[in-house]
C-alpha atoms as a PDB file:
ATOM      1  CA  UNK A   1      75.883  17.211 135.356  1.00  0.00           C
ATOM      2  CA  UNK A   2      72.921  17.443 133.248  1.00  0.00           C
ATOM      3  CA  UNK A   3      73.540  15.608 129.969  1.00  0.00           C
ATOM      4  CA  UNK A   4      69.620  16.105 129.177  1.00  0.00           C
ATOM      5  CA  UNK A   5      70.295  19.975 129.159  1.00  0.00           C
ATOM      6  CA  UNK A   6      73.427  19.460 127.299  1.00  0.00           C
ATOM      7  CA  UNK A   7      71.464  17.924 124.340  1.00  0.00           C
ATOM      8  CA  UNK A   8      69.150  20.641 124.545  1.00  0.00           C
ATOM      9  CA  UNK A   9      71.440  23.568 124.116  1.00  0.00           C
ATOM     10  CA  UNK A  10      72.961  21.200 120.987  1.00  0.00           C
ATOM     11  CA  UNK A  11      69.555  21.166 119.446  1.00  0.00           C
ATOM     12  CA  UNK A  12      69.212  24.822 120.076  1.00  0.00           C
ATOM     13  CA  UNK A  13      72.432  25.797 118.358  1.00  0.00           C
ATOM     14  CA  UNK A  14      71.806  23.375 115.544  1.00  0.00           C
ATOM     15  CA  UNK A  15      68.213  24.868 115.208  1.00  0.00           C
ATOM     16  CA  UNK A  16      69.709  28.361 114.600  1.00  0.00           C
ATOM     17  CA  UNK A  17      72.997  28.109 113.102  1.00  0.00           C
ATOM     18  CA  UNK A  18      72.759  24.496 110.935  1.00  0.00           C
ATOM     19  CA  UNK A  19      69.733  24.342 108.480  1.00  0.00           C
ATOM     20  CA  UNK A  20      68.214  21.447 107.634  1.00  0.00           C
ATOM     21  CA  UNK A  21      70.245  19.471 105.267  1.00  0.00           C
ATOM     22  CA  UNK A  22      68.548  16.562 103.687  1.00  0.00           C
ATOM     23  CA  UNK A  23      72.146  15.107 102.307  1.00  0.00           C
ATOM     24  CA  UNK A  24      73.562  14.813 105.693  1.00  0.00           C
ATOM     25  CA  UNK A  25      70.247  13.647 107.413  1.00  0.00           C
ATOM     26  CA  UNK A  26      70.090  10.802 104.565  1.00  0.00           C
ATOM     27  CA  UNK A  27      73.769   9.973 105.424  1.00  0.00           C
ATOM     28  CA  UNK A  28      72.685   9.390 109.201  1.00  0.00           C
ATOM     29  CA  UNK A  29      69.590   7.550 108.614  1.00  0.00           C
ATOM     30  CA  UNK A  30      71.339   5.370 105.926  1.00  0.00           C
ATOM     31  CA  UNK A  31      74.029   4.451 108.412  1.00  0.00           C
ATOM     32  CA  UNK A  32      71.276   3.849 111.199  1.00  0.00           C
ATOM     33  CA  UNK A  33      69.520   1.484 108.951  1.00  0.00           C
ATOM     34  CA  UNK A  34      72.689  -0.370 107.821  1.00  0.00           C
ATOM     35  CA  UNK A  35      73.308  -1.163 111.674  1.00  0.00           C
ATOM     36  CA  UNK A  36      76.499   1.289 112.050  1.00  0.00           C
ATOM     37  CA  UNK A  37      77.338   2.362 115.594  1.00  0.00           C
ATOM     38  CA  UNK A  38      75.797   5.730 116.526  1.00  0.00           C
ATOM     39  CA  UNK A  39      78.905   7.545 116.952  1.00  0.00           C
ATOM     40  CA  UNK A  40      79.609  10.051 114.287  1.00  0.00           C
ATOM     41  CA  UNK A  41      80.007  13.456 115.214  1.00  0.00           C
ATOM     42  CA  UNK A  42      77.071  15.786 116.033  1.00  0.00           C
ATOM     43  CA  UNK A  43      76.028  18.601 113.595  1.00  0.00           C
ATOM     44  CA  UNK A  44      77.664  21.213 115.379  1.00  0.00           C
ATOM     45  CA  UNK A  45      80.826  19.295 115.630  1.00  0.00           C
ATOM     46  CA  UNK A  46      80.644  18.543 111.743  1.00  0.00           C
ATOM     47  CA  UNK A  47      80.144  22.224 111.093  1.00  0.00           C
ATOM     48  CA  UNK A  48      83.140  22.949 113.090  1.00  0.00           C
ATOM     49  CA  UNK A  49      85.428  20.479 111.017  1.00  0.00           C
ATOM     50  CA  UNK A  50      83.882  22.070 107.993  1.00  0.00           C
ATOM     51  CA  UNK A  51      84.567  25.670 109.163  1.00  0.00           C
ATOM     52  CA  UNK A  52      88.227  24.709 110.145  1.00  0.00           C
ATOM     53  CA  UNK A  53      88.939  23.061 106.801  1.00  0.00           C
ATOM     54  CA  UNK A  54      87.822  26.280 105.288  1.00  0.00           C
ATOM     55  CA  UNK A  55      89.507  28.661 107.379  1.00  0.00           C
ATOM     56  CA  UNK A  56      92.687  26.621 106.704  1.00  0.00           C
ATOM     57  CA  UNK A  57      92.028  26.882 102.767  1.00  0.00           C
ATOM     58  CA  UNK A  58      93.012  23.165 102.965  1.00  0.00           C
ATOM     59  CA  UNK A  59      93.365  21.413  99.668  1.00  0.00           C
ATOM     60  CA  UNK A  60      94.245  18.072 100.746  1.00  0.00           C
ATOM     61  CA  UNK A  61      92.295  16.614 103.860  1.00  0.00           C
ATOM     62  CA  UNK A  62      93.055  13.252 105.399  1.00  0.00           C
ATOM     63  CA  UNK A  63      90.554  11.528 107.848  1.00  0.00           C
ATOM     64  CA  UNK A  64      91.394   8.320 109.862  1.00  0.00           C
ATOM     65  CA  UNK A  65      87.800   6.716 110.686  1.00  0.00           C
ATOM     66  CA  UNK A  66      85.396   6.971 107.809  1.00  0.00           C
ATOM     67  CA  UNK A  67      82.364   5.282 109.478  1.00  0.00           C
ATOM     68  CA  UNK A  68      79.219   5.979 107.503  1.00  0.00           C
ATOM     69  CA  UNK A  69      80.827   9.111 105.643  1.00  0.00           C
ATOM     70  CA  UNK A  70      78.984  11.726 107.769  1.00  0.00           C
ATOM     71  CA  UNK A  71      82.162  13.859 108.608  1.00  0.00           C
ATOM     72  CA  UNK A  72      83.642  13.124 105.459  1.00  0.00           C
ATOM     73  CA  UNK A  73      80.791  14.948 103.941  1.00  0.00           C
ATOM     74  CA  UNK A  74      81.424  18.121 105.913  1.00  0.00           C
ATOM     75  CA  UNK A  75      85.302  18.169 105.223  1.00  0.00           C
ATOM     76  CA  UNK A  76      84.658  17.231 101.130  1.00  0.00           C
ATOM     77  CA  UNK A  77      82.423  20.050 101.049  1.00  0.00           C
ATOM     78  CA  UNK A  78      85.056  22.631 102.424  1.00  0.00           C
ATOM     79  CA  UNK A  79      87.389  21.437  99.572  1.00  0.00           C
ATOM     80  CA  UNK A  80      88.098  23.740  96.509  1.00  0.00           C
ATOM     81  CA  UNK A  81      87.718  22.627  93.304  1.00  0.00           C
ATOM     82  CA  UNK A  82      90.529  20.104  92.517  1.00  0.00           C
ATOM     83  CA  UNK A  83      90.971  19.453  96.316  1.00  0.00           C
ATOM     84  CA  UNK A  84      91.110  15.826  97.882  1.00  0.00           C
ATOM     85  CA  UNK A  85      89.872  14.077 100.919  1.00  0.00           C
ATOM     86  CA  UNK A  86      91.570  10.771 101.627  1.00  0.00           C
ATOM     87  CA  UNK A  87      89.432   8.946 104.142  1.00  0.00           C
ATOM     88  CA  UNK A  88      90.842   5.267 105.827  1.00  0.00           C
ATOM     89  CA  UNK A  89      88.280   3.051 107.207  1.00  0.00           C
ATOM     90  CA  UNK A  90      88.733  -0.393 108.610  1.00  0.00           C
ATOM     91  CA  UNK A  91      85.565  -2.114 108.284  1.00  0.00           C
ATOM     92  CA  UNK A  92      84.532  -3.077 104.754  1.00  0.00           C
ATOM     93  CA  UNK A  93      80.477  -2.699 105.555  1.00  0.00           C
ATOM     94  CA  UNK A  94      81.173   0.871 107.036  1.00  0.00           C
ATOM     95  CA  UNK A  95      82.935   1.968 103.623  1.00  0.00           C
ATOM     96  CA  UNK A  96      80.250   0.422 101.784  1.00  0.00           C
ATOM     97  CA  UNK A  97      77.859   3.003 103.462  1.00  0.00           C
ATOM     98  CA  UNK A  98      80.081   5.836 103.277  1.00  0.00           C
ATOM     99  CA  UNK A  99      80.426   5.315  99.609  1.00  0.00           C
ATOM    100  CA  UNK A 100      76.628   5.353  98.925  1.00  0.00           C
ATOM    101  CA  UNK A 101      76.565   8.319 101.176  1.00  0.00           C
ATOM    102  CA  UNK A 102      79.320  10.397  99.655  1.00  0.00           C
ATOM    103  CA  UNK A 103      77.815   9.498  96.110  1.00  0.00           C
ATOM    104  CA  UNK A 104      74.853  10.620  97.091  1.00  0.00           C
ATOM    105  CA  UNK A 105      76.088  13.566  98.428  1.00  0.00           C
ATOM    106  CA  UNK A 106      77.787  14.281  94.729  1.00  0.00           C
ATOM    107  CA  UNK A 107      81.343  14.243  96.302  1.00  0.00           C
ATOM    108  CA  UNK A 108      82.499  10.935  95.592  1.00  0.00           C
ATOM    109  CA  UNK A 109      84.884  12.179  92.858  1.00  0.00           C
ATOM    110  CA  UNK A 110      86.685  14.189  95.207  1.00  0.00           C
ATOM    111  CA  UNK A 111      86.960  11.406  98.071  1.00  0.00           C
ATOM    112  CA  UNK A 112      89.469   8.740  98.203  1.00  0.00           C
ATOM    113  CA  UNK A 113      88.036   6.356 100.472  1.00  0.00           C
ATOM    114  CA  UNK A 114      90.608   3.259 101.392  1.00  0.00           C
ATOM    115  CA  UNK A 115      89.729   0.105 103.523  1.00  0.00           C
ATOM    116  CA  UNK A 116      91.952  -1.673 105.585  1.00  0.00           C
ATOM    117  CA  UNK A 117      94.022  -0.957 108.953  1.00  0.00           C
ATOM    118  CA  UNK A 118      94.849   2.595 109.075  1.00  0.00           C
ATOM    119  CA  UNK A 119      98.530   2.066 109.942  1.00  0.00           C
ATOM    120  CA  UNK A 120      99.306   0.137 106.902  1.00  0.00           C
ATOM    121  CA  UNK A 121      97.058   3.026 105.078  1.00  0.00           C
ATOM    122  CA  UNK A 122      99.299   5.816 106.479  1.00  0.00           C
ATOM    123  CA  UNK A 123     102.447   3.859 105.667  1.00  0.00           C
ATOM    124  CA  UNK A 124     101.027   3.478 102.025  1.00  0.00           C
ATOM    125  CA  UNK A 125     100.289   7.113 101.838  1.00  0.00           C
ATOM    126  CA  UNK A 126     103.926   8.090 102.967  1.00  0.00           C
ATOM    127  CA  UNK A 127     105.300   5.940 100.249  1.00  0.00           C
ATOM    128  CA  UNK A 128     103.248   7.309  97.526  1.00  0.00           C
ATOM    129  CA  UNK A 129     104.402  10.892  98.117  1.00  0.00           C
ATOM    130  CA  UNK A 130     101.435  12.248  96.390  1.00  0.00           C
ATOM    131  CA  UNK A 131     101.499  15.451  98.571  1.00  0.00           C
ATOM    132  CA  UNK A 132     101.412  16.802 102.119  1.00  0.00           C
ATOM    133  CA  UNK A 133      98.258  17.521 103.931  1.00  0.00           C
ATOM    134  CA  UNK A 134      96.625  20.774 105.150  1.00  0.00           C
ATOM    135  CA  UNK A 135      94.326  19.108 107.695  1.00  0.00           C
ATOM    136  CA  UNK A 136      93.976  15.656 109.257  1.00  0.00           C
ATOM    137  CA  UNK A 137      90.841  14.588 111.364  1.00  0.00           C
ATOM    138  CA  UNK A 138      91.602  11.419 113.427  1.00  0.00           C
ATOM    139  CA  UNK A 139      88.623   9.852 114.467  1.00  0.00           C
ATOM    140  CA  UNK A 140      89.432   6.166 115.000  1.00  0.00           C
ATOM    141  CA  UNK A 141      90.057   3.659 117.746  1.00  0.00           C
ATOM    142  CA  UNK A 142      91.512   5.522 120.573  1.00  0.00           C
ATOM    143  CA  UNK A 143      94.124   2.971 121.866  1.00  0.00           C
ATOM    144  CA  UNK A 144      96.376   3.620 118.519  1.00  0.00           C
ATOM    145  CA  UNK A 145      95.905   7.382 118.557  1.00  0.00           C
ATOM    146  CA  UNK A 146      99.464   8.102 119.504  1.00  0.00           C
ATOM    147  CA  UNK A 147     100.710   6.082 116.579  1.00  0.00           C
ATOM    148  CA  UNK A 148      98.007   7.635 114.423  1.00  0.00           C
ATOM    149  CA  UNK A 149      99.434  11.198 115.194  1.00  0.00           C
ATOM    150  CA  UNK A 150     102.811  10.002 114.765  1.00  0.00           C
ATOM    151  CA  UNK A 151     102.318   8.635 111.368  1.00  0.00           C
ATOM    152  CA  UNK A 152     100.195  11.941 110.372  1.00  0.00           C
ATOM    153  CA  UNK A 153     102.404  14.272 111.479  1.00  0.00           C
ATOM    154  CA  UNK A 154     104.968  13.107 109.029  1.00  0.00           C
ATOM    155  CA  UNK A 155     102.153  13.660 106.184  1.00  0.00           C
ATOM    156  CA  UNK A 156     101.769  17.086 107.224  1.00  0.00           C
ATOM    157  CA  UNK A 157     103.367  20.396 106.018  1.00  0.00           C
ATOM    158  CA  UNK A 158     104.071  23.254 108.180  1.00  0.00           C
ATOM    159  CA  UNK A 159     101.107  25.165 109.038  1.00  0.00           C
ATOM    160  CA  UNK A 160      98.777  22.176 108.944  1.00  0.00           C
ATOM    161  CA  UNK A 161      96.117  21.356 111.577  1.00  0.00           C
ATOM    162  CA  UNK A 162      95.343  17.978 113.279  1.00  0.00           C
ATOM    163  CA  UNK A 163      92.098  17.350 115.105  1.00  0.00           C
ATOM    164  CA  UNK A 164      91.903  14.494 117.229  1.00  0.00           C
ATOM    165  CA  UNK A 165      88.385  13.328 118.947  1.00  0.00           C
ATOM    166  CA  UNK A 166      87.229  11.918 121.728  1.00  0.00           C
ATOM    167  CA  UNK A 167      90.268  12.343 123.765  1.00  0.00           C
ATOM    168  CA  UNK A 168      88.685  13.277 127.394  1.00  0.00           C
ATOM    169  CA  UNK A 169      86.561   9.808 127.689  1.00  0.00           C
ATOM    170  CA  UNK A 170      84.263  11.668 130.600  1.00  0.00           C
ATOM    171  CA  UNK A 171      87.134  12.542 132.218  1.00  0.00           C
ATOM    172  CA  UNK A 172      88.669   9.341 132.421  1.00  0.00           C
ATOM    173  CA  UNK A 173      91.899  10.824 130.548  1.00  0.00           C
ATOM    174  CA  UNK A 174      93.193  11.896 134.219  1.00  0.00           C
ATOM    175  CA  UNK A 175      93.088   8.411 135.680  1.00  0.00           C
ATOM    176  CA  UNK A 176      96.372   6.631 135.375  1.00  0.00           C
ATOM    177  CA  UNK A 177      95.018   3.575 136.649  1.00  0.00           C
ATOM    178  CA  UNK A 178      92.180   3.282 134.286  1.00  0.00           C
ATOM    179  CA  UNK A 179      92.824  -0.111 132.238  1.00  0.00           C
ATOM    180  CA  UNK A 180      90.611   1.046 129.440  1.00  0.00           C
ATOM    181  CA  UNK A 181      93.057   0.579 126.221  1.00  0.00           C
ATOM    182  CA  UNK A 182      91.183   3.858 124.768  1.00  0.00           C
ATOM    183  CA  UNK A 183      91.946   5.834 128.335  1.00  0.00           C
ATOM    184  CA  UNK A 184      95.654   4.779 128.029  1.00  0.00           C
ATOM    185  CA  UNK A 185      96.016   5.653 124.299  1.00  0.00           C
ATOM    186  CA  UNK A 186      94.665   9.218 124.925  1.00  0.00           C
ATOM    187  CA  UNK A 187      96.966   9.478 128.101  1.00  0.00           C
ATOM    188  CA  UNK A 188      99.652   8.370 126.013  1.00  0.00           C
ATOM    189  CA  UNK A 189      98.874  10.921 123.111  1.00  0.00           C
ATOM    190  CA  UNK A 190      98.804  13.766 125.504  1.00  0.00           C
ATOM    191  CA  UNK A 191     101.951  12.810 127.072  1.00  0.00           C
ATOM    192  CA  UNK A 192     103.679  12.587 123.478  1.00  0.00           C
ATOM    193  CA  UNK A 193     102.316  16.220 122.607  1.00  0.00           C
ATOM    194  CA  UNK A 194     103.928  17.504 125.967  1.00  0.00           C
ATOM    195  CA  UNK A 195     106.998  16.469 124.427  1.00  0.00           C
ATOM    196  CA  UNK A 196     106.875  16.793 120.649  1.00  0.00           C
ATOM    197  CA  UNK A 197     108.821  19.878 119.451  1.00  0.00           C
ATOM    198  CA  UNK A 198     106.787  19.822 116.077  1.00  0.00           C
ATOM    199  CA  UNK A 199     103.612  21.145 117.537  1.00  0.00           C
ATOM    200  CA  UNK A 200     101.622  23.476 119.217  1.00  0.00           C
ATOM    201  CA  UNK A 201      98.170  21.879 120.724  1.00  0.00           C
ATOM    202  CA  UNK A 202      95.487  22.267 123.180  1.00  0.00           C
ATOM    203  CA  UNK A 203      92.688  20.259 124.265  1.00  0.00           C
ATOM    204  CA  UNK A 204      88.909  21.644 124.918  1.00  0.00           C
ATOM    205  CA  UNK A 205      86.809  19.794 126.927  1.00  0.00           C
ATOM    206  CA  UNK A 206      83.045  19.543 125.367  1.00  0.00           C
ATOM    207  CA  UNK A 207      79.684  18.659 126.589  1.00  0.00           C
ATOM    208  CA  UNK A 208      76.558  18.237 124.368  1.00  0.00           C
ATOM    209  CA  UNK A 209      74.417  15.750 122.777  1.00  0.00           C
ATOM    210  CA  UNK A 210      77.469  13.226 122.365  1.00  0.00           C
ATOM    211  CA  UNK A 211      77.929  13.652 126.202  1.00  0.00           C
ATOM    212  CA  UNK A 212      81.337  14.583 128.138  1.00  0.00           C
ATOM    213  CA  UNK A 213      84.360  14.542 126.352  1.00  0.00           C
ATOM    214  CA  UNK A 214      86.744  16.540 124.246  1.00  0.00           C
ATOM    215  CA  UNK A 215      88.809  17.514 121.216  1.00  0.00           C
ATOM    216  CA  UNK A 216      92.778  18.220 120.472  1.00  0.00           C
ATOM    217  CA  UNK A 217      93.812  20.796 118.147  1.00  0.00           C
ATOM    218  CA  UNK A 218      97.377  20.604 116.911  1.00  0.00           C
ATOM    219  CA  UNK A 219      99.173  23.161 114.702  1.00  0.00           C
ATOM    220  CA  UNK A 220     102.100  21.632 113.000  1.00  0.00           C
ATOM    221  CA  UNK A 221     104.953  24.266 113.227  1.00  0.00           C
ATOM    222  CA  UNK A 222     107.808  22.663 111.834  1.00  0.00           C
ATOM    223  CA  UNK A 223     110.065  19.624 111.038  1.00  0.00           C
ATOM    224  CA  UNK A 224     109.835  17.086 113.931  1.00  0.00           C
END
């Protein structure tokens, strides 16, 4: 294992495929200045989210876990005219920074940023009946991933995709005795996927500047 080399490869890829972007770089700087945890997706991961949303031709996107708005900028930039991103954030301070970053990016009008517990936010979305989502990105506390996924699934139309981040946990995923609630959350999530007939899914391990982890990609294939 060579984390230093993983980061160097990420930097090489970003240097070739991700030109300097002042708006995204400013979002990261502002988040750091505000004392937010440095847990945003990497530039390459952000670009992947952007590409998936474009390939999906997504018009309605749901994000669970806004942080400073870095991934929200990537996702909102993929929306067509009239598209909408709903993003849920627990911490008011994080949401404040995210709003600043989204407004600076010129995307504030496309993004509905809601503050409060995600499960309550998901329940409100279900009650609003404002339309189903084409893409969901789950990047919040891992202990509650099974509940976030289950609720999100009800808000998706067939053909939607759901991406769940940080599900390998440096390999701790395979340890049933690990007492960490985040590890137990991602284990329950995978066990749920194994018996969920409404989705077809896979999990990919990743290494890079964010360390050793991975993400799950799930395709909604029908009624659950």
